[in-house]
PDB file of all heavy atoms in Angstrom:
ATOM      1  N   ALA A   1      27.273 -73.452-186.200  1.00  0.00           N
ATOM      2  CA  ALA A   1      27.145 -73.832-184.805  1.00  0.00           C
ATOM      3  C   ALA A   1      25.779 -74.379-184.427  1.00  0.00           C
ATOM      4  O   ALA A   1      25.527 -74.745-183.312  1.00  0.00           O
ATOM      5  CB  ALA A   1      27.439 -72.593-183.955  1.00  0.00           C
ATOM      6  N   GLY A   2      24.876 -74.460-185.425  1.00  0.00           N
ATOM      7  CA  GLY A   2      23.555 -74.969-185.162  1.00  0.00           C
ATOM      8  C   GLY A   2      22.655 -74.029-184.379  1.00  0.00           C
ATOM      9  O   GLY A   2      21.687 -74.463-183.781  1.00  0.00           O
ATOM     10  N   MET A   3      23.014 -72.750-184.378  1.00  0.00           N
ATOM     11  CA  MET A   3      22.257 -71.782-183.601  1.00  0.00           C
ATOM     12  C   MET A   3      20.966 -71.337-184.288  1.00  0.00           C
ATOM     13  O   MET A   3      20.128 -70.693-183.711  1.00  0.00           O
ATOM     14  CB  MET A   3      23.129 -70.546-183.318  1.00  0.00           C
ATOM     15  CG  MET A   3      24.355 -70.859-182.500  1.00  0.00           C
ATOM     16  SD  MET A   3      25.456 -69.422-182.335  1.00  0.00           S
ATOM     17  CE  MET A   3      24.384 -68.278-181.460  1.00  0.00           C
ATOM     18  N   THR A   4      20.818 -71.687-185.573  1.00  0.00           N
ATOM     19  CA  THR A   4      19.643 -71.245-186.296  1.00  0.00           C
ATOM     20  C   THR A   4      18.491 -72.257-186.202  1.00  0.00           C
ATOM     21  O   THR A   4      17.434 -72.062-186.751  1.00  0.00           O
ATOM     22  CB  THR A   4      20.004 -71.024-187.777  1.00  0.00           C
ATOM     23  OG1 THR A   4      20.631 -72.218-188.275  1.00  0.00           O
ATOM     24  CG2 THR A   4      20.911 -69.864-187.943  1.00  0.00           C
ATOM     25  N   GLY A   5      18.702 -73.393-185.501  1.00  0.00           N
ATOM     26  CA  GLY A   5      17.618 -74.335-185.280  1.00  0.00           C
ATOM     27  C   GLY A   5      17.525 -75.329-186.400  1.00  0.00           C
ATOM     28  O   GLY A   5      18.249 -75.268-187.407  1.00  0.00           O
ATOM     29  N   PRO A   6      16.627 -76.305-186.275  1.00  0.00           N
ATOM     30  CA  PRO A   6      16.472 -77.337-187.318  1.00  0.00           C
ATOM     31  C   PRO A   6      15.916 -76.741-188.597  1.00  0.00           C
ATOM     32  O   PRO A   6      15.124 -75.810-188.574  1.00  0.00           O
ATOM     33  CB  PRO A   6      15.445 -78.280-186.660  1.00  0.00           C
ATOM     34  CG  PRO A   6      14.707 -77.449-185.672  1.00  0.00           C
ATOM     35  CD  PRO A   6      15.694 -76.458-185.159  1.00  0.00           C
ATOM     36  N   LYS A   7      16.342 -77.323-189.702  1.00  0.00           N
ATOM     37  CA  LYS A   7      15.910 -76.827-191.012  1.00  0.00           C
ATOM     38  C   LYS A   7      14.861 -77.762-191.647  1.00  0.00           C
ATOM     39  O   LYS A   7      14.484 -77.592-192.779  1.00  0.00           O
ATOM     40  CB  LYS A   7      17.122 -76.747-191.944  1.00  0.00           C
ATOM     41  CG  LYS A   7      18.160 -75.757-191.438  1.00  0.00           C
ATOM     42  CD  LYS A   7      19.314 -75.619-192.403  1.00  0.00           C
ATOM     43  CE  LYS A   7      20.377 -74.649-191.897  1.00  0.00           C
ATOM     44  NZ  LYS A   7      21.493 -74.496-192.850  1.00  0.00           N
ATOM     45  N   THR A   8      14.426 -78.760-190.921  1.00  0.00           N
ATOM     46  CA  THR A   8      13.464 -79.680-191.473  1.00  0.00           C
ATOM     47  C   THR A   8      12.051 -79.075-191.590  1.00  0.00           C
ATOM     48  O   THR A   8      11.295 -79.443-192.419  1.00  0.00           O
ATOM     49  CB  THR A   8      13.391 -80.960-190.612  1.00  0.00           C
ATOM     50  OG1 THR A   8      13.087 -80.577-189.248  1.00  0.00           O
ATOM     51  CG2 THR A   8      14.736 -81.667-190.638  1.00  0.00           C
ATOM     52  N   PHE A   9      11.749 -78.110-190.731  1.00  0.00           N
ATOM     53  CA  PHE A   9      10.434 -77.482-190.799  1.00  0.00           C
ATOM     54  C   PHE A   9      10.613 -75.978-190.854  1.00  0.00           C
ATOM     55  O   PHE A   9      11.257 -75.391-189.976  1.00  0.00           O
ATOM     56  CB  PHE A   9       9.620 -77.844-189.550  1.00  0.00           C
ATOM     57  CG  PHE A   9       8.316 -77.095-189.466  1.00  0.00           C
ATOM     58  CD1 PHE A   9       7.290 -77.364-190.345  1.00  0.00           C
ATOM     59  CD2 PHE A   9       8.145 -76.110-188.509  1.00  0.00           C
ATOM     60  CE1 PHE A   9       6.100 -76.654-190.253  1.00  0.00           C
ATOM     61  CE2 PHE A   9       6.961 -75.402-188.414  1.00  0.00           C
ATOM     62  CZ  PHE A   9       5.934 -75.692-189.308  1.00  0.00           C
ATOM     63  N   MET A  10      10.093 -75.391-191.918  1.00  0.00           N
ATOM     64  CA  MET A  10      10.216 -73.946-192.096  1.00  0.00           C
ATOM     65  C   MET A  10       8.825 -73.334-192.094  1.00  0.00           C
ATOM     66  O   MET A  10       8.091 -73.402-193.055  1.00  0.00           O
ATOM     67  CB  MET A  10      10.901 -73.634-193.441  1.00  0.00           C
ATOM     68  CG  MET A  10      12.369 -74.081-193.494  1.00  0.00           C
ATOM     69  SD  MET A  10      13.414 -73.075-192.407  1.00  0.00           S
ATOM     70  CE  MET A  10      13.219 -71.506-193.196  1.00  0.00           C
ATOM     71  N   PRO A  11       8.402 -72.768-190.985  1.00  0.00           N
ATOM     72  CA  PRO A  11       7.070 -72.128-190.931  1.00  0.00           C
ATOM     73  C   PRO A  11       7.024 -70.939-191.875  1.00  0.00           C
ATOM     74  O   PRO A  11       8.011 -70.261-192.122  1.00  0.00           O
ATOM     75  CB  PRO A  11       6.928 -71.726-189.470  1.00  0.00           C
ATOM     76  CG  PRO A  11       8.333 -71.555-188.995  1.00  0.00           C
ATOM     77  CD  PRO A  11       9.129 -72.588-189.723  1.00  0.00           C
ATOM     78  N   THR A  12       5.843 -70.688-192.396  1.00  0.00           N
ATOM     79  CA  THR A  12       5.667 -69.537-193.258  1.00  0.00           C
ATOM     80  C   THR A  12       5.742 -68.249-192.426  1.00  0.00           C
ATOM     81  O   THR A  12       5.111 -68.117-191.375  1.00  0.00           O
ATOM     82  CB  THR A  12       4.304 -69.592-193.981  1.00  0.00           C
ATOM     83  OG1 THR A  12       4.289 -70.740-194.838  1.00  0.00           O
ATOM     84  CG2 THR A  12       4.061 -68.349-194.803  1.00  0.00           C
ATOM     85  N   ILE A  13       6.557 -67.316-192.885  1.00  0.00           N
ATOM     86  CA  ILE A  13       6.697 -66.054-192.177  1.00  0.00           C
ATOM     87  C   ILE A  13       6.240 -64.918-193.105  1.00  0.00           C
ATOM     88  O   ILE A  13       6.802 -64.772-194.196  1.00  0.00           O
ATOM     89  CB  ILE A  13       8.167 -65.813-191.744  1.00  0.00           C
ATOM     90  CG1 ILE A  13       8.600 -66.876-190.787  1.00  0.00           C
ATOM     91  CG2 ILE A  13       8.333 -64.452-191.136  1.00  0.00           C
ATOM     92  CD1 ILE A  13      10.065 -66.790-190.345  1.00  0.00           C
ATOM     93  N   THR A  14       5.237 -64.210-192.727  1.00  0.00           N
ATOM     94  CA  THR A  14       4.792 -63.035-193.463  1.00  0.00           C
ATOM     95  C   THR A  14       5.188 -61.785-192.690  1.00  0.00           C
ATOM     96  O   THR A  14       5.102 -61.739-191.455  1.00  0.00           O
ATOM     97  CB  THR A  14       3.281 -63.079-193.704  1.00  0.00           C
ATOM     98  OG1 THR A  14       2.615 -63.109-192.439  1.00  0.00           O
ATOM     99  CG2 THR A  14       2.875 -64.284-194.509  1.00  0.00           C
ATOM    100  N   THR A  15       5.563 -60.783-193.401  1.00  0.00           N
ATOM    101  CA  THR A  15       6.101 -59.576-192.794  1.00  0.00           C
ATOM    102  C   THR A  15       5.315 -58.365-193.272  1.00  0.00           C
ATOM    103  O   THR A  15       5.236 -58.127-194.490  1.00  0.00           O
ATOM    104  CB  THR A  15       7.600 -59.390-193.127  1.00  0.00           C
ATOM    105  OG1 THR A  15       8.297 -60.627-192.822  1.00  0.00           O
ATOM    106  CG2 THR A  15       8.206 -58.244-192.343  1.00  0.00           C
ATOM    107  N   ALA A  16       4.759 -57.625-192.378  1.00  0.00           N
ATOM    108  CA  ALA A  16       4.026 -56.409-192.749  1.00  0.00           C
ATOM    109  C   ALA A  16       4.975 -55.266-192.885  1.00  0.00           C
ATOM    110  O   ALA A  16       5.881 -55.064-192.052  1.00  0.00           O
ATOM    111  CB  ALA A  16       2.957 -56.087-191.718  1.00  0.00           C
ATOM    112  N   GLU A  17       4.809 -54.472-193.951  1.00  0.00           N
ATOM    113  CA  GLU A  17       5.643 -53.278-194.111  1.00  0.00           C
ATOM    114  C   GLU A  17       5.311 -52.252-193.030  1.00  0.00           C
ATOM    115  O   GLU A  17       4.158 -52.148-192.613  1.00  0.00           O
ATOM    116  CB  GLU A  17       5.418 -52.659-195.495  1.00  0.00           C
ATOM    117  CG  GLU A  17       5.899 -53.542-196.636  1.00  0.00           C
ATOM    118  CD  GLU A  17       5.819 -52.820-197.996  1.00  0.00           C
ATOM    119  OE1 GLU A  17       6.634 -51.912-198.189  1.00  0.00           O
ATOM    120  OE2 GLU A  17       4.953 -53.170-198.765  1.00  0.00           O
ATOM    121  N   PRO A  18       6.307 -51.519-192.576  1.00  0.00           N
ATOM    122  CA  PRO A  18       6.062 -50.539-191.508  1.00  0.00           C
ATOM    123  C   PRO A  18       5.090 -49.459-191.972  1.00  0.00           C
ATOM    124  O   PRO A  18       5.120 -49.034-193.131  1.00  0.00           O
ATOM    125  CB  PRO A  18       7.437 -49.954-191.224  1.00  0.00           C
ATOM    126  CG  PRO A  18       8.238 -50.198-192.447  1.00  0.00           C
ATOM    127  CD  PRO A  18       7.704 -51.467-193.045  1.00  0.00           C
ATOM    128  N   LEU A  19       4.247 -49.036-191.081  1.00  0.00           N
ATOM    129  CA  LEU A  19       3.263 -47.998-191.389  1.00  0.00           C
ATOM    130  C   LEU A  19       3.158 -47.040-190.233  1.00  0.00           C
ATOM    131  O   LEU A  19       2.978 -47.472-189.062  1.00  0.00           O
ATOM    132  CB  LEU A  19       1.863 -48.607-191.665  1.00  0.00           C
ATOM    133  CG  LEU A  19       0.736 -47.671-191.977  1.00  0.00           C
ATOM    134  CD1 LEU A  19       1.006 -46.905-193.246  1.00  0.00           C
ATOM    135  CD2 LEU A  19      -0.587 -48.424-192.056  1.00  0.00           C
ATOM    136  N   THR A  20       3.216 -45.786-190.481  1.00  0.00           N
ATOM    137  CA  THR A  20       3.067 -44.797-189.446  1.00  0.00           C
ATOM    138  C   THR A  20       1.743 -44.068-189.637  1.00  0.00           C
ATOM    139  O   THR A  20       1.483 -43.555-190.727  1.00  0.00           O
ATOM    140  CB  THR A  20       4.215 -43.722-189.530  1.00  0.00           C
ATOM    141  OG1 THR A  20       5.456 -44.409-189.357  1.00  0.00           O
ATOM    142  CG2 THR A  20       4.068 -42.652-188.433  1.00  0.00           C
ATOM    143  N   LEU A  21       0.881 -44.097-188.634  1.00  0.00           N
ATOM    144  CA  LEU A  21      -0.423 -43.456-188.706  1.00  0.00           C
ATOM    145  C   LEU A  21      -0.384 -42.175-187.899  1.00  0.00           C
ATOM    146  O   LEU A  21       0.128 -42.109-186.794  1.00  0.00           O
ATOM    147  CB  LEU A  21      -1.492 -44.401-188.144  1.00  0.00           C
ATOM    148  CG  LEU A  21      -1.667 -45.749-188.894  1.00  0.00           C
ATOM    149  CD1 LEU A  21      -2.671 -46.552-188.152  1.00  0.00           C
ATOM    150  CD2 LEU A  21      -2.044 -45.525-190.318  1.00  0.00           C
ATOM    151  N   ARG A  22      -0.993 -41.125-188.469  1.00  0.00           N
ATOM    152  CA  ARG A  22      -1.098 -39.873-187.785  1.00  0.00           C
ATOM    153  C   ARG A  22      -2.513 -39.340-187.929  1.00  0.00           C
ATOM    154  O   ARG A  22      -3.144 -39.513-188.984  1.00  0.00           O
ATOM    155  CB  ARG A  22      -0.133 -38.827-188.366  1.00  0.00           C
ATOM    156  CG  ARG A  22       1.344 -39.161-188.139  1.00  0.00           C
ATOM    157  CD  ARG A  22       2.232 -38.140-188.799  1.00  0.00           C
ATOM    158  NE  ARG A  22       3.624 -38.489-188.621  1.00  0.00           N
ATOM    159  CZ  ARG A  22       4.358 -38.019-187.636  1.00  0.00           C
ATOM    160  NH1 ARG A  22       3.838 -37.192-186.774  1.00  0.00           N
ATOM    161  NH2 ARG A  22       5.617 -38.351-187.531  1.00  0.00           N
ATOM    162  N   THR A  23      -3.039 -38.728-186.853  1.00  0.00           N
ATOM    163  CA  THR A  23      -4.355 -38.150-186.925  1.00  0.00           C
ATOM    164  C   THR A  23      -4.291 -36.818-187.677  1.00  0.00           C
ATOM    165  O   THR A  23      -3.247 -36.191-187.746  1.00  0.00           O
ATOM    166  CB  THR A  23      -4.913 -37.903-185.507  1.00  0.00           C
ATOM    167  OG1 THR A  23      -4.018 -37.022-184.818  1.00  0.00           O
ATOM    168  CG2 THR A  23      -5.021 -39.191-184.757  1.00  0.00           C
ATOM    169  N   GLN A  24      -5.420 -36.379-188.206  1.00  0.00           N
ATOM    170  CA  GLN A  24      -5.425 -35.184-189.045  1.00  0.00           C
ATOM    171  C   GLN A  24      -4.950 -33.940-188.317  1.00  0.00           C
ATOM    172  O   GLN A  24      -4.265 -33.117-188.828  1.00  0.00           O
ATOM    173  CB  GLN A  24      -6.851 -34.965-189.593  1.00  0.00           C
ATOM    174  CG  GLN A  24      -6.966 -33.791-190.577  1.00  0.00           C
ATOM    175  CD  GLN A  24      -6.142 -33.980-191.830  1.00  0.00           C
ATOM    176  OE1 GLN A  24      -5.956 -35.110-192.278  1.00  0.00           O
ATOM    177  NE2 GLN A  24      -5.611 -32.905-192.377  1.00  0.00           N
ATOM    178  N   ASP A  25      -5.377 -33.834-186.993  1.00  0.00           N
ATOM    179  CA  ASP A  25      -5.027 -32.602-186.288  1.00  0.00           C
ATOM    180  C   ASP A  25      -3.560 -32.612-185.839  1.00  0.00           C
ATOM    181  O   ASP A  25      -3.076 -31.617-185.330  1.00  0.00           O
ATOM    182  CB  ASP A  25      -5.923 -32.431-185.058  1.00  0.00           C
ATOM    183  CG  ASP A  25      -5.772 -33.555-184.041  1.00  0.00           C
ATOM    184  OD1 ASP A  25      -5.154 -34.558-184.373  1.00  0.00           O
ATOM    185  OD2 ASP A  25      -6.267 -33.425-182.904  1.00  0.00           O
ATOM    186  N   ASN A  26      -2.869 -33.714-185.989  1.00  0.00           N
ATOM    187  CA  ASN A  26      -1.481 -33.782-185.654  1.00  0.00           C
ATOM    188  C   ASN A  26      -0.604 -33.946-186.895  1.00  0.00           C
ATOM    189  O   ASN A  26       0.559 -34.401-186.788  1.00  0.00           O
ATOM    190  CB  ASN A  26      -1.248 -34.947-184.682  1.00  0.00           C
ATOM    191  CG  ASN A  26       0.098 -34.815-183.963  1.00  0.00           C
ATOM    192  OD1 ASN A  26       0.565 -33.725-183.710  1.00  0.00           O
ATOM    193  ND2 ASN A  26       0.691 -35.932-183.626  1.00  0.00           N
ATOM    194  N   GLN A  27      -1.153 -33.672-188.082  1.00  0.00           N
ATOM    195  CA  GLN A  27      -0.450 -33.868-189.319  1.00  0.00           C
ATOM    196  C   GLN A  27       0.565 -32.780-189.540  1.00  0.00           C
ATOM    197  O   GLN A  27       0.230 -31.594-189.602  1.00  0.00           O
ATOM    198  CB  GLN A  27      -1.466 -33.866-190.475  1.00  0.00           C
ATOM    199  CG  GLN A  27      -0.915 -34.419-191.774  1.00  0.00           C
ATOM    200  CD  GLN A  27      -0.817 -35.942-191.695  1.00  0.00           C
ATOM    201  OE1 GLN A  27      -1.757 -36.618-191.347  1.00  0.00           O
ATOM    202  NE2 GLN A  27       0.319 -36.461-192.058  1.00  0.00           N
ATOM    203  N   PRO A  28       1.858 -33.090-189.637  1.00  0.00           N
ATOM    204  CA  PRO A  28       2.852 -32.097-189.925  1.00  0.00           C
ATOM    205  C   PRO A  28       2.681 -31.567-191.371  1.00  0.00           C
ATOM    206  O   PRO A  28       2.156 -32.274-192.232  1.00  0.00           O
ATOM    207  CB  PRO A  28       4.186 -32.841-189.760  1.00  0.00           C
ATOM    208  CG  PRO A  28       3.854 -34.264-189.969  1.00  0.00           C
ATOM    209  CD  PRO A  28       2.447 -34.461-189.498  1.00  0.00           C
ATOM    210  N   LYS A  29       3.147 -30.365-191.582  1.00  0.00           N
ATOM    211  CA  LYS A  29       2.957 -29.712-192.883  1.00  0.00           C
ATOM    212  C   LYS A  29       4.250 -29.087-193.360  1.00  0.00           C
ATOM    213  O   LYS A  29       5.168 -28.770-192.567  1.00  0.00           O
ATOM    214  CB  LYS A  29       1.867 -28.616-192.764  1.00  0.00           C
ATOM    215  CG  LYS A  29       0.485 -29.148-192.394  1.00  0.00           C
ATOM    216  CD  LYS A  29      -0.489 -28.001-192.186  1.00  0.00           C
ATOM    217  CE  LYS A  29      -1.908 -28.533-191.946  1.00  0.00           C
ATOM    218  NZ  LYS A  29      -1.995 -29.385-190.761  1.00  0.00           N
ATOM    219  N   LEU A  30       4.332 -28.917-194.697  1.00  0.00           N
ATOM    220  CA  LEU A  30       5.449 -28.247-195.318  1.00  0.00           C
ATOM    221  C   LEU A  30       4.915 -27.053-196.103  1.00  0.00           C
ATOM    222  O   LEU A  30       4.074 -27.215-196.971  1.00  0.00           O
ATOM    223  CB  LEU A  30       6.195 -29.191-196.265  1.00  0.00           C
ATOM    224  CG  LEU A  30       6.781 -30.499-195.678  1.00  0.00           C
ATOM    225  CD1 LEU A  30       7.355 -31.369-196.778  1.00  0.00           C
ATOM    226  CD2 LEU A  30       7.809 -30.175-194.613  1.00  0.00           C
ATOM    227  N   ALA A  31       5.405 -25.877-195.771  1.00  0.00           N
ATOM    228  CA  ALA A  31       5.048 -24.679-196.493  1.00  0.00           C
ATOM    229  C   ALA A  31       6.123 -24.426-197.532  1.00  0.00           C
ATOM    230  O   ALA A  31       7.266 -24.134-197.193  1.00  0.00           O
ATOM    231  CB  ALA A  31       4.955 -23.465-195.540  1.00  0.00           C
ATOM    232  N   VAL A  32       5.795 -24.527-198.812  1.00  0.00           N
ATOM    233  CA  VAL A  32       6.710 -24.481-199.920  1.00  0.00           C
ATOM    234  C   VAL A  32       6.617 -23.103-200.590  1.00  0.00           C
ATOM    235  O   VAL A  32       5.530 -22.693-201.037  1.00  0.00           O
ATOM    236  CB  VAL A  32       6.429 -25.586-200.919  1.00  0.00           C
ATOM    237  CG1 VAL A  32       7.443 -25.531-202.079  1.00  0.00           C
ATOM    238  CG2 VAL A  32       6.489 -26.952-200.252  1.00  0.00           C
ATOM    239  N   THR A  33       7.754 -22.411-200.629  1.00  0.00           N
ATOM    240  CA  THR A  33       7.830 -21.081-201.303  1.00  0.00           C
ATOM    241  C   THR A  33       8.685 -21.231-202.540  1.00  0.00           C
ATOM    242  O   THR A  33       9.894 -21.501-202.480  1.00  0.00           O
ATOM    243  CB  THR A  33       8.443 -20.053-200.346  1.00  0.00           C
ATOM    244  OG1 THR A  33       7.645 -19.974-199.149  1.00  0.00           O
ATOM    245  CG2 THR A  33       8.472 -18.663-201.018  1.00  0.00           C
TER     246      THR A  33
END
């Protein structure tokens, strides 16, 4: 249907992997027995 736009120019697309940041005082923990 031509909904994807023209194919004559393809800009470079870089994708950053998702990253979740947490501060030390809010770091969840697992107590393993």
